[in-house]
Amino acid sequence: MQFQQSQLTRTTQFTVREHGFFVSQRDGRGQVDIAVEIPYEELLPIRLEYRNTVPQRQLLWLLGGIIYAGIHLARPFLASDQPLPDDVWVWAFGLGAALVAFFLYGLHNWWHQAILHTGRLQLVLADHPRDRRQFRDFTQKLDAHTKAYLRQEYGAINPLGYIEPQLRRVAWLRDLGVLSPAEARTLSTRLTGRVSERTIRSMGQRLEPLYVN
């Protein structure tokens, strides 16, 4: 299972491997910036966040500066009632087109972000509309695959073995969402023989939890 996003300045690739989640990122020249494999034991919890970081104030200042510079350059022609030369209009049109292209590129590659949160690091991608559904599906499958791997590797218990390490492992899997609370209680009961770990009180007396055979 794999997901890849290509941009002008970098290419990011996520790969689900046998024992871990591999992250690779290269710059525009193909040089490796990041190449790391995260073990599934360190990956959860997985969460997807969308963030809008459009620098509105900076863009308004930039637009205001361009308008001021344009008026300042056109002032001699306006004062003499002379029409603006054709090359000025060409430059103005080219500058406007460049600003629109800059805004659209930033909107799709810099300012709308999809952030994959894991237990070890955060991975930031551009929130491309063309990639959004595929990236969301990939994240859901990665979460399900990680939980299935942890359940298979650590979900089995042995009532004849050491109890405390196994109880800690069951609690760890429950906290990560690999085991439901009901499943965790069932496994704890099989290990300890206790129906509940909570203290029972009756008529002011503290009683031991019930045991099962």
N, C-alpha and C. Protein backbone atom coordinates (compact mmCIF):
# COMPACT_ATOMS: atom_id res chain seq x y z
N MET A 1 0.84 -1.18 0.00
CA MET A 1 0.00 0.00 0.00
C MET A 1 0.89 1.25 0.00
N GLN A 2 0.55 2.21 -0.86
CA GLN A 2 1.46 3.34 -1.06
C GLN A 2 0.66 4.59 -1.43
N PHE A 3 1.20 5.74 -1.04
CA PHE A 3 0.64 7.02 -1.43
C PHE A 3 1.79 7.95 -1.81
N GLN A 4 1.60 8.70 -2.90
CA GLN A 4 2.65 9.61 -3.35
C GLN A 4 2.03 10.93 -3.79
N GLN A 5 2.71 12.02 -3.41
CA GLN A 5 2.30 13.35 -3.85
C GLN A 5 3.51 14.07 -4.43
N SER A 6 3.36 14.57 -5.65
CA SER A 6 4.45 15.28 -6.33
C SER A 6 4.12 16.76 -6.41
N GLN A 7 5.08 17.59 -6.02
CA GLN A 7 4.97 19.03 -6.12
C GLN A 7 6.18 19.58 -6.87
N LEU A 8 6.16 20.88 -7.12
CA LEU A 8 7.25 21.49 -7.86
C LEU A 8 8.55 21.43 -7.06
N THR A 9 8.44 21.58 -5.73
CA THR A 9 9.63 21.67 -4.89
C THR A 9 9.95 20.38 -4.14
N ARG A 10 9.04 19.41 -4.11
CA ARG A 10 9.32 18.18 -3.38
C ARG A 10 8.37 17.07 -3.80
N THR A 11 8.79 15.85 -3.52
CA THR A 11 7.97 14.67 -3.74
C THR A 11 7.94 13.86 -2.46
N THR A 12 6.74 13.53 -2.00
CA THR A 12 6.57 12.78 -0.76
C THR A 12 5.94 11.43 -1.07
N GLN A 13 6.47 10.39 -0.44
CA GLN A 13 5.96 9.03 -0.66
C GLN A 13 5.81 8.32 0.68
N PHE A 14 4.64 7.72 0.88
CA PHE A 14 4.36 6.91 2.06
C PHE A 14 4.19 5.45 1.61
N THR A 15 4.82 4.54 2.34
CA THR A 15 4.75 3.12 1.99
C THR A 15 4.47 2.30 3.25
N VAL A 16 3.50 1.42 3.17
CA VAL A 16 3.20 0.50 4.27
C VAL A 16 4.03 -0.75 4.06
N ARG A 17 4.97 -0.98 4.97
CA ARG A 17 5.84 -2.14 4.87
C ARG A 17 5.44 -3.20 5.89
N GLU A 18 6.20 -4.29 5.91
CA GLU A 18 5.82 -5.43 6.75
C GLU A 18 5.84 -5.09 8.23
N HIS A 19 6.88 -4.37 8.68
CA HIS A 19 7.02 -4.10 10.11
C HIS A 19 7.00 -2.62 10.44
N GLY A 20 6.72 -1.75 9.47
CA GLY A 20 6.74 -0.33 9.77
C GLY A 20 6.21 0.51 8.62
N PHE A 21 6.06 1.79 8.90
CA PHE A 21 5.55 2.78 7.97
C PHE A 21 6.73 3.61 7.47
N PHE A 22 6.99 3.55 6.16
CA PHE A 22 8.16 4.20 5.58
C PHE A 22 7.77 5.53 4.97
N VAL A 23 8.53 6.57 5.31
CA VAL A 23 8.30 7.93 4.82
C VAL A 23 9.53 8.36 4.03
N SER A 24 9.32 8.80 2.79
CA SER A 24 10.41 9.28 1.95
C SER A 24 10.01 10.62 1.35
N GLN A 25 10.93 11.57 1.42
CA GLN A 25 10.68 12.89 0.85
C GLN A 25 11.93 13.39 0.13
N ARG A 26 11.75 13.84 -1.12
CA ARG A 26 12.85 14.35 -1.94
C ARG A 26 12.55 15.77 -2.39
N ASP A 27 13.61 16.55 -2.56
CA ASP A 27 13.43 17.92 -3.03
C ASP A 27 13.29 17.93 -4.55
N GLY A 28 13.18 19.13 -5.13
CA GLY A 28 12.97 19.25 -6.56
C GLY A 28 14.08 18.69 -7.40
N ARG A 29 15.30 18.56 -6.83
CA ARG A 29 16.44 18.00 -7.56
C ARG A 29 16.56 16.50 -7.39
N GLY A 30 15.67 15.90 -6.59
CA GLY A 30 15.73 14.46 -6.37
C GLY A 30 16.58 14.06 -5.19
N GLN A 31 17.11 15.04 -4.43
CA GLN A 31 17.92 14.72 -3.26
C GLN A 31 17.01 14.33 -2.09
N VAL A 32 17.44 13.34 -1.31
CA VAL A 32 16.63 12.83 -0.20
C VAL A 32 16.68 13.80 0.96
N ASP A 33 15.50 14.27 1.40
CA ASP A 33 15.39 15.09 2.59
C ASP A 33 15.05 14.24 3.82
N ILE A 34 14.10 13.30 3.64
CA ILE A 34 13.67 12.43 4.73
C ILE A 34 13.57 11.01 4.19
N ALA A 35 14.08 10.06 4.96
CA ALA A 35 13.92 8.64 4.66
C ALA A 35 13.95 7.90 5.99
N VAL A 36 12.77 7.60 6.51
CA VAL A 36 12.68 7.00 7.84
C VAL A 36 11.54 5.98 7.85
N GLU A 37 11.76 4.90 8.59
CA GLU A 37 10.72 3.89 8.78
C GLU A 37 10.30 3.90 10.25
N ILE A 38 9.01 4.12 10.49
CA ILE A 38 8.46 4.17 11.84
C ILE A 38 7.87 2.81 12.18
N PRO A 39 8.34 2.15 13.23
CA PRO A 39 7.73 0.87 13.61
C PRO A 39 6.26 1.06 13.96
N TYR A 40 5.46 0.05 13.68
CA TYR A 40 4.03 0.14 13.99
C TYR A 40 3.79 0.32 15.48
N GLU A 41 4.71 -0.15 16.30
CA GLU A 41 4.57 0.02 17.75
C GLU A 41 4.62 1.49 18.17
N GLU A 42 5.18 2.35 17.34
CA GLU A 42 5.33 3.77 17.68
C GLU A 42 4.44 4.67 16.82
N LEU A 43 3.56 4.09 16.02
CA LEU A 43 2.82 4.88 15.04
C LEU A 43 1.52 5.46 15.58
N LEU A 44 0.81 4.72 16.39
CA LEU A 44 -0.48 5.18 16.90
C LEU A 44 -0.28 6.22 18.01
N PRO A 45 -1.24 7.13 18.19
CA PRO A 45 -2.49 7.29 17.44
C PRO A 45 -2.27 8.03 16.12
N ILE A 46 -3.11 7.70 15.14
CA ILE A 46 -3.05 8.33 13.82
C ILE A 46 -4.25 9.26 13.67
N ARG A 47 -3.98 10.48 13.24
CA ARG A 47 -5.05 11.48 13.10
C ARG A 47 -4.74 12.37 11.91
N LEU A 48 -5.79 12.72 11.15
CA LEU A 48 -5.64 13.57 9.97
C LEU A 48 -6.26 14.93 10.26
N GLU A 49 -5.50 15.99 9.97
CA GLU A 49 -5.97 17.36 10.23
C GLU A 49 -5.79 18.19 8.95
N TYR A 50 -6.77 19.05 8.71
CA TYR A 50 -6.69 19.99 7.59
C TYR A 50 -6.52 21.40 8.15
N ARG A 51 -5.59 22.15 7.56
CA ARG A 51 -5.27 23.47 8.11
C ARG A 51 -5.19 24.49 6.97
N ASN A 52 -5.80 25.65 7.21
CA ASN A 52 -5.76 26.76 6.28
C ASN A 52 -4.82 27.82 6.82
N THR A 53 -3.73 28.10 6.10
CA THR A 53 -2.73 29.05 6.59
C THR A 53 -2.49 30.19 5.60
N VAL A 54 -3.55 30.64 4.92
CA VAL A 54 -3.41 31.73 3.95
C VAL A 54 -2.98 33.00 4.69
N PRO A 55 -1.83 33.59 4.33
CA PRO A 55 -1.34 34.80 5.02
C PRO A 55 -2.09 36.04 4.52
N GLN A 56 -3.28 36.25 4.99
CA GLN A 56 -4.13 37.32 4.46
C GLN A 56 -3.50 38.69 4.66
N ARG A 57 -2.96 38.96 5.85
CA ARG A 57 -2.40 40.28 6.11
C ARG A 57 -1.21 40.56 5.20
N GLN A 58 -0.32 39.58 5.04
CA GLN A 58 0.85 39.77 4.19
C GLN A 58 0.45 39.98 2.73
N LEU A 59 -0.57 39.23 2.28
CA LEU A 59 -1.02 39.39 0.90
C LEU A 59 -1.66 40.76 0.67
N LEU A 60 -2.38 41.26 1.66
CA LEU A 60 -2.97 42.59 1.53
C LEU A 60 -1.89 43.67 1.48
N TRP A 61 -0.86 43.51 2.32
CA TRP A 61 0.26 44.46 2.28
C TRP A 61 0.97 44.42 0.93
N LEU A 62 1.15 43.21 0.39
CA LEU A 62 1.79 43.08 -0.92
C LEU A 62 0.96 43.74 -2.00
N LEU A 63 -0.35 43.49 -1.98
CA LEU A 63 -1.24 44.09 -2.98
C LEU A 63 -1.24 45.61 -2.86
N GLY A 64 -1.29 46.11 -1.62
CA GLY A 64 -1.26 47.56 -1.42
C GLY A 64 0.04 48.17 -1.92
N GLY A 65 1.16 47.49 -1.68
CA GLY A 65 2.46 48.00 -2.16
C GLY A 65 2.52 48.04 -3.67
N ILE A 66 1.96 47.02 -4.32
CA ILE A 66 1.98 47.00 -5.79
C ILE A 66 1.12 48.12 -6.36
N ILE A 67 -0.07 48.32 -5.76
CA ILE A 67 -0.95 49.39 -6.22
C ILE A 67 -0.28 50.76 -6.04
N TYR A 68 0.35 50.95 -4.87
CA TYR A 68 1.03 52.24 -4.62
C TYR A 68 2.15 52.47 -5.64
N ALA A 69 2.96 51.41 -5.90
CA ALA A 69 4.05 51.54 -6.87
C ALA A 69 3.50 51.84 -8.26
N GLY A 70 2.39 51.20 -8.63
CA GLY A 70 1.81 51.44 -9.94
C GLY A 70 1.32 52.87 -10.09
N ILE A 71 0.65 53.39 -9.05
CA ILE A 71 0.17 54.78 -9.11
C ILE A 71 1.35 55.75 -9.18
N HIS A 72 2.41 55.45 -8.41
CA HIS A 72 3.58 56.33 -8.41
C HIS A 72 4.24 56.36 -9.79
N LEU A 73 4.33 55.21 -10.46
CA LEU A 73 4.94 55.17 -11.78
C LEU A 73 4.06 55.81 -12.84
N ALA A 74 2.74 55.73 -12.67
CA ALA A 74 1.82 56.28 -13.68
C ALA A 74 1.53 57.76 -13.44
N ARG A 75 1.98 58.33 -12.32
CA ARG A 75 1.65 59.72 -11.99
C ARG A 75 2.11 60.72 -13.06
N PRO A 76 3.33 60.60 -13.62
CA PRO A 76 3.72 61.56 -14.67
C PRO A 76 2.79 61.56 -15.87
N PHE A 77 2.31 60.38 -16.27
CA PHE A 77 1.42 60.31 -17.42
C PHE A 77 0.04 60.88 -17.07
N LEU A 78 -0.42 60.61 -15.83
CA LEU A 78 -1.72 61.14 -15.42
C LEU A 78 -1.69 62.66 -15.31
N ALA A 79 -0.55 63.18 -14.83
CA ALA A 79 -0.44 64.65 -14.67
C ALA A 79 -0.41 65.36 -16.01
N SER A 80 0.15 64.74 -17.03
CA SER A 80 0.25 65.38 -18.35
C SER A 80 -0.88 64.99 -19.29
N ASP A 81 -1.84 64.24 -18.77
CA ASP A 81 -2.98 63.78 -19.58
C ASP A 81 -2.54 62.99 -20.81
N GLN A 82 -1.38 62.36 -20.71
CA GLN A 82 -0.92 61.52 -21.82
C GLN A 82 -1.39 60.08 -21.62
N PRO A 83 -1.75 59.39 -22.68
CA PRO A 83 -2.13 57.97 -22.53
C PRO A 83 -0.92 57.13 -22.16
N LEU A 84 -1.18 56.10 -21.44
CA LEU A 84 -0.09 55.21 -21.04
C LEU A 84 0.41 54.44 -22.26
N PRO A 85 1.73 54.30 -22.37
CA PRO A 85 2.28 53.52 -23.50
C PRO A 85 1.80 52.07 -23.46
N ASP A 86 1.82 51.46 -24.65
CA ASP A 86 1.34 50.08 -24.74
C ASP A 86 2.20 49.12 -23.92
N ASP A 87 3.53 49.38 -23.87
CA ASP A 87 4.38 48.45 -23.12
C ASP A 87 4.09 48.49 -21.63
N VAL A 88 3.59 49.63 -21.11
CA VAL A 88 3.20 49.71 -19.70
C VAL A 88 2.01 48.79 -19.43
N TRP A 89 1.05 48.80 -20.35
CA TRP A 89 -0.10 47.91 -20.19
C TRP A 89 0.31 46.45 -20.28
N VAL A 90 1.27 46.15 -21.15
CA VAL A 90 1.76 44.77 -21.26
C VAL A 90 2.42 44.33 -19.95
N TRP A 91 3.26 45.22 -19.39
CA TRP A 91 3.90 44.91 -18.12
C TRP A 91 2.87 44.75 -16.99
N ALA A 92 1.88 45.61 -16.98
CA ALA A 92 0.85 45.55 -15.94
C ALA A 92 0.06 44.24 -16.05
N PHE A 93 -0.29 43.87 -17.30
CA PHE A 93 -1.01 42.61 -17.50
C PHE A 93 -0.15 41.41 -17.08
N GLY A 94 1.14 41.42 -17.45
CA GLY A 94 2.03 40.31 -17.07
C GLY A 94 2.20 40.21 -15.57
N LEU A 95 2.32 41.38 -14.91
CA LEU A 95 2.46 41.36 -13.46
C LEU A 95 1.19 40.84 -12.80
N GLY A 96 0.03 41.25 -13.32
CA GLY A 96 -1.22 40.76 -12.75
C GLY A 96 -1.37 39.25 -12.92
N ALA A 97 -1.02 38.76 -14.11
CA ALA A 97 -1.09 37.31 -14.35
C ALA A 97 -0.13 36.56 -13.44
N ALA A 98 1.07 37.12 -13.22
CA ALA A 98 2.04 36.47 -12.34
C ALA A 98 1.54 36.43 -10.89
N LEU A 99 0.88 37.50 -10.45
CA LEU A 99 0.34 37.53 -9.09
C LEU A 99 -0.78 36.51 -8.92
N VAL A 100 -1.64 36.40 -9.93
CA VAL A 100 -2.72 35.41 -9.86
C VAL A 100 -2.15 33.99 -9.83
N ALA A 101 -1.14 33.74 -10.67
CA ALA A 101 -0.51 32.41 -10.68
C ALA A 101 0.17 32.12 -9.34
N PHE A 102 0.82 33.14 -8.78
CA PHE A 102 1.46 32.97 -7.47
C PHE A 102 0.43 32.64 -6.39
N PHE A 103 -0.69 33.35 -6.42
CA PHE A 103 -1.73 33.10 -5.41
C PHE A 103 -2.31 31.70 -5.55
N LEU A 104 -2.61 31.28 -6.78
CA LEU A 104 -3.19 29.96 -7.00
C LEU A 104 -2.22 28.85 -6.62
N TYR A 105 -0.94 29.04 -6.95
CA TYR A 105 0.05 28.03 -6.59
C TYR A 105 0.19 27.93 -5.07
N GLY A 106 0.26 29.08 -4.40
CA GLY A 106 0.36 29.06 -2.94
C GLY A 106 -0.87 28.46 -2.30
N LEU A 107 -2.04 28.72 -2.87
CA LEU A 107 -3.28 28.19 -2.33
C LEU A 107 -3.31 26.67 -2.38
N HIS A 108 -2.75 26.09 -3.45
CA HIS A 108 -2.79 24.64 -3.62
C HIS A 108 -1.57 23.93 -3.06
N ASN A 109 -0.48 24.64 -2.80
CA ASN A 109 0.75 23.96 -2.40
C ASN A 109 1.32 24.43 -1.07
N TRP A 110 0.98 25.63 -0.61
CA TRP A 110 1.58 26.14 0.62
C TRP A 110 0.56 26.37 1.73
N TRP A 111 -0.58 26.92 1.39
CA TRP A 111 -1.46 27.48 2.41
C TRP A 111 -2.61 26.56 2.80
N HIS A 112 -2.93 25.57 2.02
CA HIS A 112 -3.90 24.54 2.42
C HIS A 112 -3.11 23.25 2.66
N GLN A 113 -3.11 22.81 3.91
CA GLN A 113 -2.27 21.68 4.29
C GLN A 113 -3.10 20.53 4.83
N ALA A 114 -2.65 19.33 4.53
CA ALA A 114 -3.18 18.11 5.14
C ALA A 114 -2.07 17.54 6.02
N ILE A 115 -2.34 17.42 7.31
CA ILE A 115 -1.31 17.03 8.28
C ILE A 115 -1.66 15.66 8.85
N LEU A 116 -0.75 14.73 8.68
CA LEU A 116 -0.90 13.39 9.24
C LEU A 116 -0.16 13.33 10.57
N HIS A 117 -0.92 13.24 11.65
CA HIS A 117 -0.34 13.15 12.99
C HIS A 117 -0.14 11.67 13.35
N THR A 118 1.03 11.33 13.80
CA THR A 118 1.31 9.99 14.31
C THR A 118 1.89 10.11 15.71
N GLY A 119 2.11 8.98 16.35
CA GLY A 119 2.66 9.02 17.69
C GLY A 119 4.09 9.48 17.75
N ARG A 120 4.77 9.55 16.61
CA ARG A 120 6.18 9.89 16.60
C ARG A 120 6.48 11.21 15.89
N LEU A 121 5.76 11.53 14.82
CA LEU A 121 6.04 12.77 14.09
C LEU A 121 4.79 13.23 13.36
N GLN A 122 4.88 14.46 12.81
CA GLN A 122 3.82 15.03 12.00
C GLN A 122 4.32 15.16 10.57
N LEU A 123 3.47 14.78 9.63
CA LEU A 123 3.83 14.81 8.22
C LEU A 123 2.89 15.78 7.51
N VAL A 124 3.46 16.82 6.90
CA VAL A 124 2.67 17.89 6.29
C VAL A 124 2.71 17.74 4.78
N LEU A 125 1.52 17.69 4.17
CA LEU A 125 1.38 17.63 2.72
C LEU A 125 0.49 18.79 2.26
N ALA A 126 0.58 19.09 0.97
CA ALA A 126 -0.36 20.05 0.40
C ALA A 126 -1.73 19.39 0.26
N ASP A 127 -2.76 20.15 0.59
CA ASP A 127 -4.12 19.62 0.51
C ASP A 127 -4.67 19.82 -0.89
N HIS A 128 -4.17 19.01 -1.83
CA HIS A 128 -4.66 19.08 -3.21
C HIS A 128 -6.05 18.45 -3.28
N PRO A 129 -7.01 19.10 -3.92
CA PRO A 129 -8.33 18.47 -4.08
C PRO A 129 -8.25 17.13 -4.79
N ARG A 130 -7.31 16.98 -5.73
CA ARG A 130 -7.20 15.72 -6.47
C ARG A 130 -6.67 14.59 -5.61
N ASP A 131 -5.95 14.93 -4.51
CA ASP A 131 -5.36 13.91 -3.65
C ASP A 131 -6.15 13.68 -2.37
N ARG A 132 -7.14 14.55 -2.08
CA ARG A 132 -7.76 14.55 -0.76
C ARG A 132 -8.42 13.23 -0.42
N ARG A 133 -9.23 12.71 -1.32
CA ARG A 133 -9.94 11.46 -1.03
C ARG A 133 -8.96 10.29 -0.93
N GLN A 134 -8.00 10.24 -1.84
CA GLN A 134 -7.03 9.14 -1.81
C GLN A 134 -6.20 9.17 -0.53
N PHE A 135 -5.81 10.37 -0.09
CA PHE A 135 -5.01 10.49 1.13
C PHE A 135 -5.84 10.12 2.35
N ARG A 136 -7.11 10.50 2.38
CA ARG A 136 -7.98 10.14 3.49
C ARG A 136 -8.18 8.62 3.56
N ASP A 137 -8.40 8.00 2.40
CA ASP A 137 -8.55 6.54 2.37
C ASP A 137 -7.25 5.85 2.81
N PHE A 138 -6.12 6.37 2.36
CA PHE A 138 -4.83 5.80 2.75
C PHE A 138 -4.64 5.88 4.26
N THR A 139 -4.99 7.02 4.85
CA THR A 139 -4.84 7.19 6.30
C THR A 139 -5.71 6.19 7.06
N GLN A 140 -6.94 6.00 6.61
CA GLN A 140 -7.83 5.04 7.27
C GLN A 140 -7.30 3.62 7.16
N LYS A 141 -6.78 3.27 5.99
CA LYS A 141 -6.22 1.93 5.81
C LYS A 141 -4.95 1.74 6.63
N LEU A 142 -4.14 2.79 6.74
CA LEU A 142 -2.93 2.72 7.56
C LEU A 142 -3.29 2.50 9.01
N ASP A 143 -4.30 3.19 9.50
CA ASP A 143 -4.74 3.02 10.89
C ASP A 143 -5.24 1.59 11.12
N ALA A 144 -6.07 1.10 10.21
CA ALA A 144 -6.60 -0.26 10.35
C ALA A 144 -5.49 -1.30 10.26
N HIS A 145 -4.54 -1.10 9.34
CA HIS A 145 -3.43 -2.05 9.19
C HIS A 145 -2.55 -2.07 10.44
N THR A 146 -2.29 -0.90 10.99
CA THR A 146 -1.45 -0.82 12.20
C THR A 146 -2.11 -1.53 13.36
N LYS A 147 -3.39 -1.30 13.55
CA LYS A 147 -4.11 -1.95 14.66
C LYS A 147 -4.18 -3.46 14.46
N ALA A 148 -4.38 -3.90 13.22
CA ALA A 148 -4.40 -5.34 12.96
C ALA A 148 -3.04 -5.96 13.24
N TYR A 149 -1.97 -5.27 12.87
CA TYR A 149 -0.62 -5.77 13.13
C TYR A 149 -0.36 -5.88 14.64
N LEU A 150 -0.71 -4.85 15.40
CA LEU A 150 -0.48 -4.88 16.84
C LEU A 150 -1.34 -5.94 17.52
N ARG A 151 -2.55 -6.10 17.04
CA ARG A 151 -3.41 -7.14 17.62
C ARG A 151 -2.82 -8.53 17.38
N GLN A 152 -2.31 -8.74 16.17
CA GLN A 152 -1.74 -10.04 15.86
C GLN A 152 -0.46 -10.30 16.65
N GLU A 153 0.39 -9.26 16.77
CA GLU A 153 1.69 -9.45 17.41
C GLU A 153 1.61 -9.45 18.93
N TYR A 154 0.67 -8.68 19.51
CA TYR A 154 0.68 -8.48 20.96
C TYR A 154 -0.65 -8.79 21.63
N GLY A 155 -1.66 -9.19 20.85
CA GLY A 155 -2.98 -9.41 21.42
C GLY A 155 -3.17 -10.74 22.11
N ALA A 156 -2.29 -11.71 21.86
CA ALA A 156 -2.43 -13.03 22.49
C ALA A 156 -1.90 -12.99 23.91
N ILE A 157 -2.57 -13.72 24.81
CA ILE A 157 -2.13 -13.80 26.21
C ILE A 157 -1.93 -15.26 26.61
N ASN A 158 -1.19 -15.44 27.69
CA ASN A 158 -0.93 -16.78 28.23
C ASN A 158 -1.19 -16.74 29.74
N PRO A 159 -2.33 -17.27 30.19
CA PRO A 159 -2.66 -17.23 31.62
C PRO A 159 -1.63 -17.93 32.50
N LEU A 160 -0.79 -18.80 31.90
CA LEU A 160 0.22 -19.51 32.69
C LEU A 160 1.53 -18.74 32.77
N GLY A 161 1.65 -17.63 32.02
CA GLY A 161 2.87 -16.85 32.03
C GLY A 161 2.84 -15.76 33.09
N TYR A 162 3.83 -14.87 33.05
CA TYR A 162 3.88 -13.76 33.99
C TYR A 162 2.69 -12.82 33.71
N ILE A 163 1.94 -12.50 34.75
CA ILE A 163 0.69 -11.77 34.58
C ILE A 163 0.91 -10.27 34.40
N GLU A 164 1.77 -9.67 35.22
CA GLU A 164 1.91 -8.20 35.20
C GLU A 164 2.34 -7.65 33.83
N PRO A 165 3.37 -8.21 33.19
CA PRO A 165 3.72 -7.70 31.86
C PRO A 165 2.58 -7.82 30.85
N GLN A 166 1.81 -8.89 30.95
CA GLN A 166 0.71 -9.08 30.02
C GLN A 166 -0.43 -8.10 30.30
N LEU A 167 -0.66 -7.80 31.58
CA LEU A 167 -1.67 -6.80 31.91
C LEU A 167 -1.28 -5.43 31.38
N ARG A 168 0.00 -5.09 31.50
CA ARG A 168 0.47 -3.80 30.97
C ARG A 168 0.32 -3.76 29.46
N ARG A 169 0.57 -4.90 28.80
CA ARG A 169 0.43 -4.95 27.35
C ARG A 169 -1.03 -4.80 26.93
N VAL A 170 -1.93 -5.42 27.66
CA VAL A 170 -3.36 -5.29 27.37
C VAL A 170 -3.81 -3.83 27.56
N ALA A 171 -3.33 -3.19 28.64
CA ALA A 171 -3.68 -1.78 28.88
C ALA A 171 -3.13 -0.89 27.77
N TRP A 172 -1.93 -1.19 27.32
CA TRP A 172 -1.31 -0.42 26.22
C TRP A 172 -2.14 -0.54 24.95
N LEU A 173 -2.56 -1.76 24.61
CA LEU A 173 -3.38 -1.96 23.42
C LEU A 173 -4.74 -1.29 23.56
N ARG A 174 -5.29 -1.30 24.76
CA ARG A 174 -6.58 -0.62 24.98
C ARG A 174 -6.43 0.89 24.81
N ASP A 175 -5.37 1.46 25.36
CA ASP A 175 -5.16 2.91 25.25
C ASP A 175 -4.95 3.35 23.80
N LEU A 176 -4.36 2.49 22.98
CA LEU A 176 -4.13 2.82 21.57
C LEU A 176 -5.36 2.57 20.70
N GLY A 177 -6.40 1.99 21.27
CA GLY A 177 -7.59 1.70 20.50
C GLY A 177 -7.53 0.40 19.72
N VAL A 178 -6.49 -0.40 19.96
CA VAL A 178 -6.38 -1.70 19.29
C VAL A 178 -7.40 -2.67 19.87
N LEU A 179 -7.57 -2.64 21.18
CA LEU A 179 -8.56 -3.44 21.86
C LEU A 179 -9.66 -2.54 22.40
N SER A 180 -10.89 -3.00 22.30
CA SER A 180 -11.99 -2.25 22.90
C SER A 180 -11.95 -2.45 24.41
N PRO A 181 -12.60 -1.57 25.19
CA PRO A 181 -12.64 -1.77 26.65
C PRO A 181 -13.19 -3.14 27.04
N ALA A 182 -14.20 -3.62 26.32
CA ALA A 182 -14.77 -4.94 26.64
C ALA A 182 -13.75 -6.05 26.38
N GLU A 183 -13.03 -5.96 25.27
CA GLU A 183 -12.01 -6.97 24.98
C GLU A 183 -10.89 -6.93 26.01
N ALA A 184 -10.49 -5.73 26.41
CA ALA A 184 -9.43 -5.60 27.41
C ALA A 184 -9.88 -6.19 28.74
N ARG A 185 -11.13 -5.97 29.15
CA ARG A 185 -11.64 -6.54 30.40
C ARG A 185 -11.67 -8.06 30.33
N THR A 186 -12.07 -8.59 29.18
CA THR A 186 -12.13 -10.05 29.02
C THR A 186 -10.74 -10.67 29.16
N LEU A 187 -9.73 -10.05 28.51
CA LEU A 187 -8.37 -10.58 28.60
C LEU A 187 -7.82 -10.43 30.01
N SER A 188 -8.12 -9.32 30.68
CA SER A 188 -7.66 -9.13 32.05
C SER A 188 -8.28 -10.15 32.98
N THR A 189 -9.54 -10.47 32.75
CA THR A 189 -10.21 -11.48 33.56
C THR A 189 -9.58 -12.85 33.37
N ARG A 190 -9.23 -13.17 32.12
CA ARG A 190 -8.58 -14.46 31.85
C ARG A 190 -7.22 -14.54 32.53
N LEU A 191 -6.52 -13.41 32.64
CA LEU A 191 -5.19 -13.42 33.25
C LEU A 191 -5.25 -13.47 34.77
N THR A 192 -6.14 -12.69 35.36
CA THR A 192 -6.15 -12.55 36.82
C THR A 192 -7.21 -13.40 37.49
N GLY A 193 -8.25 -13.78 36.74
CA GLY A 193 -9.36 -14.49 37.35
C GLY A 193 -10.33 -13.56 38.03
N ARG A 194 -10.08 -12.26 38.01
CA ARG A 194 -10.97 -11.29 38.64
C ARG A 194 -11.96 -10.75 37.63
N VAL A 195 -13.21 -10.67 38.07
CA VAL A 195 -14.23 -10.13 37.20
C VAL A 195 -14.03 -8.64 37.01
N SER A 196 -13.53 -7.93 38.03
CA SER A 196 -13.32 -6.49 37.97
C SER A 196 -12.14 -6.14 38.84
N GLU A 197 -11.41 -5.11 38.46
CA GLU A 197 -10.29 -4.62 39.25
C GLU A 197 -10.73 -3.59 40.29
N ARG A 198 -11.99 -3.14 40.21
CA ARG A 198 -12.47 -2.12 41.13
C ARG A 198 -12.73 -2.71 42.51
N THR A 199 -12.48 -1.91 43.54
CA THR A 199 -12.72 -2.33 44.92
C THR A 199 -14.21 -2.34 45.19
N ILE A 200 -14.68 -3.37 45.85
CA ILE A 200 -16.09 -3.52 46.19
C ILE A 200 -16.27 -3.19 47.66
N ARG A 201 -17.28 -2.37 47.98
CA ARG A 201 -17.59 -2.04 49.36
C ARG A 201 -19.01 -2.47 49.68
N SER A 202 -19.19 -3.07 50.83
CA SER A 202 -20.50 -3.51 51.29
C SER A 202 -20.62 -3.23 52.78
N MET A 203 -21.60 -2.42 53.14
CA MET A 203 -21.83 -2.05 54.55
C MET A 203 -20.57 -1.49 55.18
N GLY A 204 -19.86 -0.65 54.38
CA GLY A 204 -18.66 -0.01 54.89
C GLY A 204 -17.43 -0.89 54.89
N GLN A 205 -17.57 -2.13 54.47
CA GLN A 205 -16.45 -3.06 54.46
C GLN A 205 -15.84 -3.12 53.05
N ARG A 206 -14.50 -3.15 52.98
CA ARG A 206 -13.81 -3.27 51.70
C ARG A 206 -13.65 -4.75 51.39
N LEU A 207 -14.19 -5.18 50.26
CA LEU A 207 -14.16 -6.59 49.87
C LEU A 207 -13.28 -6.80 48.66
N GLU A 208 -12.77 -7.97 48.52
CA GLU A 208 -11.96 -8.34 47.37
C GLU A 208 -12.86 -8.52 46.16
N PRO A 209 -12.39 -8.20 44.94
CA PRO A 209 -13.19 -8.43 43.74
C PRO A 209 -13.50 -9.90 43.57
N LEU A 210 -14.58 -10.15 42.83
CA LEU A 210 -14.98 -11.54 42.59
C LEU A 210 -13.99 -12.23 41.68
N TYR A 211 -13.80 -13.52 41.91
CA TYR A 211 -12.93 -14.34 41.08
C TYR A 211 -13.77 -15.33 40.29
N VAL A 212 -13.23 -15.72 39.13
CA VAL A 212 -13.87 -16.77 38.35
C VAL A 212 -12.85 -17.89 38.20
N ASN A 213 -13.34 -19.08 37.97
CA ASN A 213 -12.45 -20.22 37.80
C ASN A 213 -11.80 -20.18 36.43
